[in-house]
Amino acid sequence: MITCIAVDDEPLALRQIVSYIEQTPFLQLKGKFTNVLGVSGFLKENPVDLLFLDIHMSDLNGMELAKSLEHPPRIIFTTAYSEYAIDGYKVNAVDYLLKPIEYVDFLMASNKAADVINKERQFATEIKKKDEFLFIKSGQQHIRIHFKDIKYLEAQKEYVSINLIHDEPVKTLVRLKNIEAILPKEHFMRIHRSFIVNLNHIVTVERNRIIYNQKESIVVSDTYQEAFKRFLNTNFFN
């Protein structure tokens, strides 16, 4: 079952999406909203797999909401404005439905989302954790990766790139939050919606940027700066 919520400030459009969800056997509606103001709080307490999200709304742009979520579910945008399509893919939307939406198009998009979500679930169950390492499925291989060898992890659309100290990056078809859940929290910290770093390998910090070398650096986003500053204050002398 794929859990979902629907957000649209047009009552008729929202009722249509809700009706389509109720017609689709593998979708389970967990909430519906006519504005985005309560969505972030709801998702923190009630995480779901999929978000049907209008873009052009009166209180806050749906695209801005998508960018602001720390752990966003998969998203299908529903809008009357085709010019937002490129931006939709920038936030890794599964699909983009133009109003008026026919059920056949809704079903195709939902099937596409379900396929992505079910693959992520399968890969998540194949991550095997031990005290000092984990096994990651990459392609047809299961690769043992020691926590101490991980420099940082980067979300790249459907994949996560695990960047290592001495070897080439390993890519796996899983969401960053699924790996984050099993990483030892005393050694790893999320510093951006797309990055988790190994704190043991941080050598140089310049303002809000972690610098590894001339070609490799990561910005600490505003959301995570307070926690990162606490780490610096605890571990580095002024």
C-alpha atoms as a PDB file:
ATOM      1  CA  MET A   1       0.000   0.000   0.000  1.00  0.00           C
ATOM      2  CA  ILE A   2       1.245   3.491  -0.923  1.00  0.00           C
ATOM      3  CA  THR A   3       0.258   6.122   1.642  1.00  0.00           C
ATOM      4  CA  CYS A   4      -0.356   9.645   0.345  1.00  0.00           C
ATOM      5  CA  ILE A   5      -1.759  13.109   0.974  1.00  0.00           C
ATOM      6  CA  ALA A   6      -3.277  15.637  -1.443  1.00  0.00           C
ATOM      7  CA  VAL A   7      -2.755  19.411  -1.401  1.00  0.00           C
ATOM      8  CA  ASP A   8      -4.709  21.871  -3.572  1.00  0.00           C
ATOM      9  CA  ASP A   9      -6.283  25.233  -2.729  1.00  0.00           C
ATOM     10  CA  GLU A  10      -9.089  24.706  -5.250  1.00  0.00           C
ATOM     11  CA  PRO A  11     -11.814  22.649  -3.490  1.00  0.00           C
ATOM     12  CA  LEU A  12     -13.106  21.104  -6.731  1.00  0.00           C
ATOM     13  CA  ALA A  13      -9.617  20.094  -7.859  1.00  0.00           C
ATOM     14  CA  LEU A  14      -8.862  18.669  -4.411  1.00  0.00           C
ATOM     15  CA  ARG A  15     -12.077  16.630  -4.426  1.00  0.00           C
ATOM     16  CA  GLN A  16     -11.153  15.216  -7.828  1.00  0.00           C
ATOM     17  CA  ILE A  17      -7.700  14.114  -6.666  1.00  0.00           C
ATOM     18  CA  VAL A  18      -9.182  12.600  -3.496  1.00  0.00           C
ATOM     19  CA  SER A  19     -11.766  10.766  -5.613  1.00  0.00           C
ATOM     20  CA  TYR A  20      -9.033   9.409  -7.884  1.00  0.00           C
ATOM     21  CA  ILE A  21      -7.005   8.257  -4.871  1.00  0.00           C
ATOM     22  CA  GLU A  22     -10.042   6.446  -3.469  1.00  0.00           C
ATOM     23  CA  GLN A  23     -10.567   4.699  -6.828  1.00  0.00           C
ATOM     24  CA  THR A  24      -6.988   3.417  -6.887  1.00  0.00           C
ATOM     25  CA  PRO A  25      -6.616   0.176  -4.870  1.00  0.00           C
ATOM     26  CA  PHE A  26      -2.933   0.564  -3.968  1.00  0.00           C
ATOM     27  CA  LEU A  27      -3.259   4.169  -2.702  1.00  0.00           C
ATOM     28  CA  GLN A  28      -4.255   5.028   0.862  1.00  0.00           C
ATOM     29  CA  LEU A  29      -5.222   8.637   1.633  1.00  0.00           C
ATOM     30  CA  LYS A  30      -3.806   9.918   4.931  1.00  0.00           C
ATOM     31  CA  GLY A  31      -4.787  13.581   4.645  1.00  0.00           C
ATOM     32  CA  LYS A  32      -6.019  16.384   2.410  1.00  0.00           C
ATOM     33  CA  PHE A  33      -5.157  20.081   2.609  1.00  0.00           C
ATOM     34  CA  THR A  34      -6.441  23.251   0.941  1.00  0.00           C
ATOM     35  CA  ASN A  35      -3.217  25.116   1.808  1.00  0.00           C
ATOM     36  CA  VAL A  36       0.379  24.172   2.546  1.00  0.00           C
ATOM     37  CA  LEU A  37       0.686  25.768   5.975  1.00  0.00           C
ATOM     38  CA  GLY A  38      -0.016  22.590   7.927  1.00  0.00           C
ATOM     39  CA  VAL A  39       1.653  20.142   5.558  1.00  0.00           C
ATOM     40  CA  SER A  40       5.210  20.256   6.946  1.00  0.00           C
ATOM     41  CA  GLY A  41       4.039  19.676  10.516  1.00  0.00           C
ATOM     42  CA  PHE A  42       1.727  16.887   9.437  1.00  0.00           C
ATOM     43  CA  LEU A  43       4.487  15.085   7.533  1.00  0.00           C
ATOM     44  CA  LYS A  44       6.859  15.260  10.512  1.00  0.00           C
ATOM     45  CA  GLU A  45       4.324  13.393  12.624  1.00  0.00           C
ATOM     46  CA  ASN A  46       2.764  11.307   9.842  1.00  0.00           C
ATOM     47  CA  PRO A  47       5.308  10.445   7.131  1.00  0.00           C
ATOM     48  CA  VAL A  48       3.779   9.223   3.883  1.00  0.00           C
ATOM     49  CA  ASP A  49       5.119   7.726   0.660  1.00  0.00           C
ATOM     50  CA  LEU A  50       3.585  10.105  -1.865  1.00  0.00           C
ATOM     51  CA  LEU A  51       2.427  13.717  -2.094  1.00  0.00           C
ATOM     52  CA  PHE A  52      -0.017  14.998  -4.720  1.00  0.00           C
ATOM     53  CA  LEU A  53       0.836  18.698  -4.740  1.00  0.00           C
ATOM     54  CA  ASP A  54      -0.571  21.707  -6.568  1.00  0.00           C
ATOM     55  CA  ILE A  55       2.031  24.341  -7.408  1.00  0.00           C
ATOM     56  CA  HIS A  56       0.301  27.686  -7.875  1.00  0.00           C
ATOM     57  CA  MET A  57      -1.474  28.343  -4.564  1.00  0.00           C
ATOM     58  CA  SER A  58      -2.432  31.522  -2.745  1.00  0.00           C
ATOM     59  CA  ASP A  59      -0.525  31.097   0.543  1.00  0.00           C
ATOM     60  CA  LEU A  60       2.743  29.428  -0.502  1.00  0.00           C
ATOM     61  CA  ASN A  61       3.994  28.072  -3.792  1.00  0.00           C
ATOM     62  CA  GLY A  62       3.898  24.271  -3.819  1.00  0.00           C
ATOM     63  CA  MET A  63       7.381  24.188  -5.334  1.00  0.00           C
ATOM     64  CA  GLU A  64       8.677  26.161  -2.351  1.00  0.00           C
ATOM     65  CA  LEU A  65       7.072  23.639  -0.022  1.00  0.00           C
ATOM     66  CA  ALA A  66       8.735  20.756  -1.864  1.00  0.00           C
ATOM     67  CA  LYS A  67      12.144  22.433  -1.554  1.00  0.00           C
ATOM     68  CA  SER A  68      11.648  23.164   2.159  1.00  0.00           C
ATOM     69  CA  LEU A  69      10.846  19.614   3.296  1.00  0.00           C
ATOM     70  CA  GLU A  70      13.749  17.900   5.074  1.00  0.00           C
ATOM     71  CA  HIS A  71      12.611  14.392   4.194  1.00  0.00           C
ATOM     72  CA  PRO A  72      10.162  14.829   1.329  1.00  0.00           C
ATOM     73  CA  PRO A  73       8.010  11.960   0.147  1.00  0.00           C
ATOM     74  CA  ARG A  74       7.846  11.222  -3.531  1.00  0.00           C
ATOM     75  CA  ILE A  75       5.911  13.997  -5.280  1.00  0.00           C
ATOM     76  CA  ILE A  76       3.451  14.165  -8.171  1.00  0.00           C
ATOM     77  CA  PHE A  77       2.714  17.772  -9.072  1.00  0.00           C
ATOM     78  CA  THR A  78      -0.816  18.665 -10.170  1.00  0.00           C
ATOM     79  CA  THR A  79      -1.108  22.074 -11.807  1.00  0.00           C
ATOM     80  CA  ALA A  80      -2.619  24.111 -14.612  1.00  0.00           C
ATOM     81  CA  TYR A  81       0.709  25.780 -15.392  1.00  0.00           C
ATOM     82  CA  SER A  82       3.039  23.926 -17.748  1.00  0.00           C
ATOM     83  CA  GLU A  83       5.921  26.366 -17.217  1.00  0.00           C
ATOM     84  CA  TYR A  84       6.704  24.728 -13.867  1.00  0.00           C
ATOM     85  CA  ALA A  85       7.558  21.360 -15.410  1.00  0.00           C
ATOM     86  CA  ILE A  86      11.336  21.847 -15.441  1.00  0.00           C
ATOM     87  CA  ASP A  87      11.345  23.071 -11.840  1.00  0.00           C
ATOM     88  CA  GLY A  88       9.345  19.988 -10.895  1.00  0.00           C
ATOM     89  CA  TYR A  89      12.094  17.689 -12.034  1.00  0.00           C
ATOM     90  CA  LYS A  90      14.665  19.756 -10.149  1.00  0.00           C
ATOM     91  CA  VAL A  91      13.037  18.638  -6.895  1.00  0.00           C
ATOM     92  CA  ASN A  92      12.957  15.062  -8.160  1.00  0.00           C
ATOM     93  CA  ALA A  93       9.221  14.861  -8.780  1.00  0.00           C
ATOM     94  CA  VAL A  94       8.032  11.485 -10.011  1.00  0.00           C
ATOM     95  CA  ASP A  95       5.582  13.039 -12.450  1.00  0.00           C
ATOM     96  CA  TYR A  96       3.836  16.242 -13.453  1.00  0.00           C
ATOM     97  CA  LEU A  97       0.101  16.249 -14.232  1.00  0.00           C
ATOM     98  CA  LEU A  98      -1.515  19.142 -16.086  1.00  0.00           C
ATOM     99  CA  LYS A  99      -5.093  20.089 -15.210  1.00  0.00           C
ATOM    100  CA  PRO A 100      -7.717  19.118 -16.168  1.00  0.00           C
ATOM    101  CA  ILE A 101      -6.500  15.669 -15.113  1.00  0.00           C
ATOM    102  CA  GLU A 102      -8.045  12.514 -16.524  1.00  0.00           C
ATOM    103  CA  TYR A 103      -8.080   9.402 -14.366  1.00  0.00           C
ATOM    104  CA  VAL A 104      -6.046   7.418 -16.889  1.00  0.00           C
ATOM    105  CA  ASP A 105      -3.206   9.977 -16.588  1.00  0.00           C
ATOM    106  CA  PHE A 106      -3.529  10.002 -12.807  1.00  0.00           C
ATOM    107  CA  LEU A 107      -3.313   6.203 -12.730  1.00  0.00           C
ATOM    108  CA  MET A 108      -0.243   6.133 -14.972  1.00  0.00           C
ATOM    109  CA  ALA A 109       1.539   8.644 -12.740  1.00  0.00           C
ATOM    110  CA  SER A 110       0.516   6.735  -9.605  1.00  0.00           C
ATOM    111  CA  ASN A 111       1.785   3.453 -11.048  1.00  0.00           C
ATOM    112  CA  LYS A 112       5.077   5.148 -11.886  1.00  0.00           C
ATOM    113  CA  ALA A 113       5.366   6.438  -8.315  1.00  0.00           C
ATOM    114  CA  ALA A 114       4.447   3.050  -6.849  1.00  0.00           C
ATOM    115  CA  ASP A 115       7.143   1.370  -8.938  1.00  0.00           C
ATOM    116  CA  VAL A 116       9.786   3.813  -7.650  1.00  0.00           C
ATOM    117  CA  ILE A 117       8.619   3.531  -4.032  1.00  0.00           C
ATOM    118  CA  ASN A 118       8.449  -0.277  -4.077  1.00  0.00           C
ATOM    119  CA  LYS A 119      11.956  -0.499  -5.541  1.00  0.00           C
ATOM    120  CA  GLU A 120      13.211   1.779  -2.773  1.00  0.00           C
ATOM    121  CA  ARG A 121      11.548  -0.413  -0.169  1.00  0.00           C
ATOM    122  CA  GLN A 122      13.151  -3.506  -1.642  1.00  0.00           C
ATOM    123  CA  PHE A 123      16.601  -1.946  -1.686  1.00  0.00           C
ATOM    124  CA  ALA A 124      16.142  -0.604   1.845  1.00  0.00           C
ATOM    125  CA  THR A 125      15.543  -4.126   3.151  1.00  0.00           C
ATOM    126  CA  GLU A 126      18.732  -5.275   1.419  1.00  0.00           C
ATOM    127  CA  ILE A 127      20.944  -2.907   3.404  1.00  0.00           C
ATOM    128  CA  LYS A 128      22.586  -5.088   6.033  1.00  0.00           C
ATOM    129  CA  LYS A 129      24.190  -3.352   9.009  1.00  0.00           C
ATOM    130  CA  LYS A 130      26.912  -4.604  11.314  1.00  0.00           C
ATOM    131  CA  ASP A 131      28.741  -2.758  14.090  1.00  0.00           C
ATOM    132  CA  GLU A 132      31.497  -1.420  11.829  1.00  0.00           C
ATOM    133  CA  PHE A 133      30.188  -1.793   8.297  1.00  0.00           C
ATOM    134  CA  LEU A 134      27.133  -2.287   6.118  1.00  0.00           C
ATOM    135  CA  PHE A 135      26.357  -4.202   2.955  1.00  0.00           C
ATOM    136  CA  ILE A 136      24.964  -2.140   0.088  1.00  0.00           C
ATOM    137  CA  LYS A 137      23.424  -3.503  -3.085  1.00  0.00           C
ATOM    138  CA  SER A 138      24.915  -1.774  -6.110  1.00  0.00           C
ATOM    139  CA  GLY A 139      23.766  -3.181  -9.428  1.00  0.00           C
ATOM    140  CA  GLN A 140      24.016  -6.967  -9.109  1.00  0.00           C
ATOM    141  CA  GLN A 141      26.620  -6.819  -6.341  1.00  0.00           C
ATOM    142  CA  HIS A 142      26.445  -6.609  -2.557  1.00  0.00           C
ATOM    143  CA  ILE A 143      29.360  -4.486  -1.416  1.00  0.00           C
ATOM    144  CA  ARG A 144      30.716  -4.290   2.116  1.00  0.00           C
ATOM    145  CA  ILE A 145      31.455  -0.698   3.122  1.00  0.00           C
ATOM    146  CA  HIS A 146      33.128   0.171   6.416  1.00  0.00           C
ATOM    147  CA  PHE A 147      31.705   3.229   8.142  1.00  0.00           C
ATOM    148  CA  LYS A 148      35.234   4.582   8.671  1.00  0.00           C
ATOM    149  CA  ASP A 149      35.818   4.600   4.893  1.00  0.00           C
ATOM    150  CA  ILE A 150      32.787   6.756   4.086  1.00  0.00           C
ATOM    151  CA  LYS A 151      33.612  10.418   3.467  1.00  0.00           C
ATOM    152  CA  TYR A 152      30.075  11.600   2.704  1.00  0.00           C
ATOM    153  CA  LEU A 153      26.829  10.461   1.097  1.00  0.00           C
ATOM    154  CA  GLU A 154      25.004  12.393  -1.599  1.00  0.00           C
ATOM    155  CA  ALA A 155      21.413  12.006  -2.800  1.00  0.00           C
ATOM    156  CA  GLN A 156      21.256  11.937  -6.598  1.00  0.00           C
ATOM    157  CA  LYS A 157      17.634  11.595  -7.731  1.00  0.00           C
ATOM    158  CA  GLU A 158      16.670   7.947  -7.107  1.00  0.00           C
ATOM    159  CA  TYR A 159      20.213   6.987  -6.111  1.00  0.00           C
ATOM    160  CA  VAL A 160      22.599   7.653  -3.255  1.00  0.00           C
ATOM    161  CA  SER A 161      26.284   8.063  -4.032  1.00  0.00           C
ATOM    162  CA  ILE A 162      28.480   6.836  -1.163  1.00  0.00           C
ATOM    163  CA  ASN A 163      31.754   8.721  -1.528  1.00  0.00           C
ATOM    164  CA  LEU A 164      34.714   6.886  -0.048  1.00  0.00           C
ATOM    165  CA  ILE A 165      38.124   7.981   1.204  1.00  0.00           C
ATOM    166  CA  HIS A 166      40.254   5.700  -0.976  1.00  0.00           C
ATOM    167  CA  ASP A 167      37.913   4.150  -3.574  1.00  0.00           C
ATOM    168  CA  GLU A 168      35.473   5.197  -6.275  1.00  0.00           C
ATOM    169  CA  PRO A 169      31.950   6.179  -5.150  1.00  0.00           C
ATOM    170  CA  VAL A 170      29.395   3.394  -4.778  1.00  0.00           C
ATOM    171  CA  LYS A 171      25.884   4.101  -6.060  1.00  0.00           C
ATOM    172  CA  THR A 172      22.795   2.379  -4.710  1.00  0.00           C
ATOM    173  CA  LEU A 173      19.111   2.701  -5.552  1.00  0.00           C
ATOM    174  CA  VAL A 174      17.817   3.782  -2.168  1.00  0.00           C
ATOM    175  CA  ARG A 175      16.756   7.032  -0.503  1.00  0.00           C
ATOM    176  CA  LEU A 176      19.204   8.941   1.637  1.00  0.00           C
ATOM    177  CA  LYS A 177      16.916   8.855   4.677  1.00  0.00           C
ATOM    178  CA  ASN A 178      16.884   5.034   4.607  1.00  0.00           C
ATOM    179  CA  ILE A 179      20.669   4.885   4.928  1.00  0.00           C
ATOM    180  CA  GLU A 180      20.681   7.739   7.436  1.00  0.00           C
ATOM    181  CA  ALA A 181      18.505   5.654   9.761  1.00  0.00           C
ATOM    182  CA  ILE A 182      21.231   3.016  10.173  1.00  0.00           C
ATOM    183  CA  LEU A 183      24.365   5.183  10.198  1.00  0.00           C
ATOM    184  CA  PRO A 184      25.995   5.600  13.634  1.00  0.00           C
ATOM    185  CA  LYS A 185      24.777   9.042  14.732  1.00  0.00           C
ATOM    186  CA  GLU A 186      27.916   9.775  16.743  1.00  0.00           C
ATOM    187  CA  HIS A 187      29.933   9.768  13.502  1.00  0.00           C
ATOM    188  CA  PHE A 188      27.537  11.003  10.805  1.00  0.00           C
ATOM    189  CA  MET A 189      25.514  14.203  10.436  1.00  0.00           C
ATOM    190  CA  ARG A 190      23.114  15.470   7.792  1.00  0.00           C
ATOM    191  CA  ILE A 191      24.212  18.958   6.775  1.00  0.00           C
ATOM    192  CA  HIS A 192      22.004  19.418   3.702  1.00  0.00           C
ATOM    193  CA  ARG A 193      18.890  17.754   2.344  1.00  0.00           C
ATOM    194  CA  SER A 194      21.184  15.990  -0.146  1.00  0.00           C
ATOM    195  CA  PHE A 195      24.291  15.363   1.985  1.00  0.00           C
ATOM    196  CA  ILE A 196      25.342  13.412   5.073  1.00  0.00           C
ATOM    197  CA  VAL A 197      28.980  13.723   6.134  1.00  0.00           C
ATOM    198  CA  ASN A 198      31.295  11.567   8.206  1.00  0.00           C
ATOM    199  CA  LEU A 199      32.342  13.913  11.016  1.00  0.00           C
ATOM    200  CA  ASN A 200      35.640  12.056  11.442  1.00  0.00           C
ATOM    201  CA  HIS A 201      36.860  13.199   8.028  1.00  0.00           C
ATOM    202  CA  ILE A 202      36.175  16.917   8.392  1.00  0.00           C
ATOM    203  CA  VAL A 203      39.478  18.807   8.406  1.00  0.00           C
ATOM    204  CA  THR A 204      38.685  22.269   7.024  1.00  0.00           C
ATOM    205  CA  VAL A 205      35.565  24.387   7.526  1.00  0.00           C
ATOM    206  CA  GLU A 206      35.319  27.835   5.966  1.00  0.00           C
ATOM    207  CA  ARG A 207      32.249  29.771   7.048  1.00  0.00           C
ATOM    208  CA  ASN A 208      29.385  27.439   6.184  1.00  0.00           C
ATOM    209  CA  ARG A 209      31.345  25.192   3.830  1.00  0.00           C
ATOM    210  CA  ILE A 210      33.154  21.917   4.472  1.00  0.00           C
ATOM    211  CA  ILE A 211      36.222  21.785   2.235  1.00  0.00           C
ATOM    212  CA  TYR A 212      37.841  18.485   1.274  1.00  0.00           C
ATOM    213  CA  ASN A 213      40.034  19.744  -1.566  1.00  0.00           C
ATOM    214  CA  GLN A 214      40.051  22.362  -4.337  1.00  0.00           C
ATOM    215  CA  LYS A 215      37.370  20.524  -6.317  1.00  0.00           C
ATOM    216  CA  GLU A 216      35.311  19.049  -3.506  1.00  0.00           C
ATOM    217  CA  SER A 217      33.326  20.999  -0.924  1.00  0.00           C
ATOM    218  CA  ILE A 218      29.834  20.909   0.604  1.00  0.00           C
ATOM    219  CA  VAL A 219      27.712  23.805   1.840  1.00  0.00           C
ATOM    220  CA  VAL A 220      25.965  23.411   5.197  1.00  0.00           C
ATOM    221  CA  SER A 221      22.392  24.543   4.509  1.00  0.00           C
ATOM    222  CA  ASP A 222      20.536  26.941   6.802  1.00  0.00           C
ATOM    223  CA  THR A 223      18.349  24.170   8.216  1.00  0.00           C
ATOM    224  CA  TYR A 224      21.339  22.281   9.623  1.00  0.00           C
ATOM    225  CA  GLN A 225      23.708  25.107  10.560  1.00  0.00           C
ATOM    226  CA  GLU A 226      22.761  25.243  14.250  1.00  0.00           C
ATOM    227  CA  ALA A 227      23.464  21.540  14.828  1.00  0.00           C
ATOM    228  CA  PHE A 228      26.694  21.763  12.850  1.00  0.00           C
ATOM    229  CA  LYS A 229      27.866  24.782  14.857  1.00  0.00           C
ATOM    230  CA  ARG A 230      27.290  22.816  18.062  1.00  0.00           C
ATOM    231  CA  PHE A 231      29.544  20.095  16.684  1.00  0.00           C
ATOM    232  CA  LEU A 232      32.244  22.636  15.824  1.00  0.00           C
ATOM    233  CA  ASN A 233      32.038  24.332  19.219  1.00  0.00           C
ATOM    234  CA  THR A 234      32.392  20.977  20.955  1.00  0.00           C
ATOM    235  CA  ASN A 235      35.271  19.644  18.890  1.00  0.00           C
ATOM    236  CA  PHE A 236      37.280  22.614  17.615  1.00  0.00           C
ATOM    237  CA  PHE A 237      39.137  25.310  19.564  1.00  0.00           C
ATOM    238  CA  ASN A 238      38.769  28.932  18.507  1.00  0.00           C
END
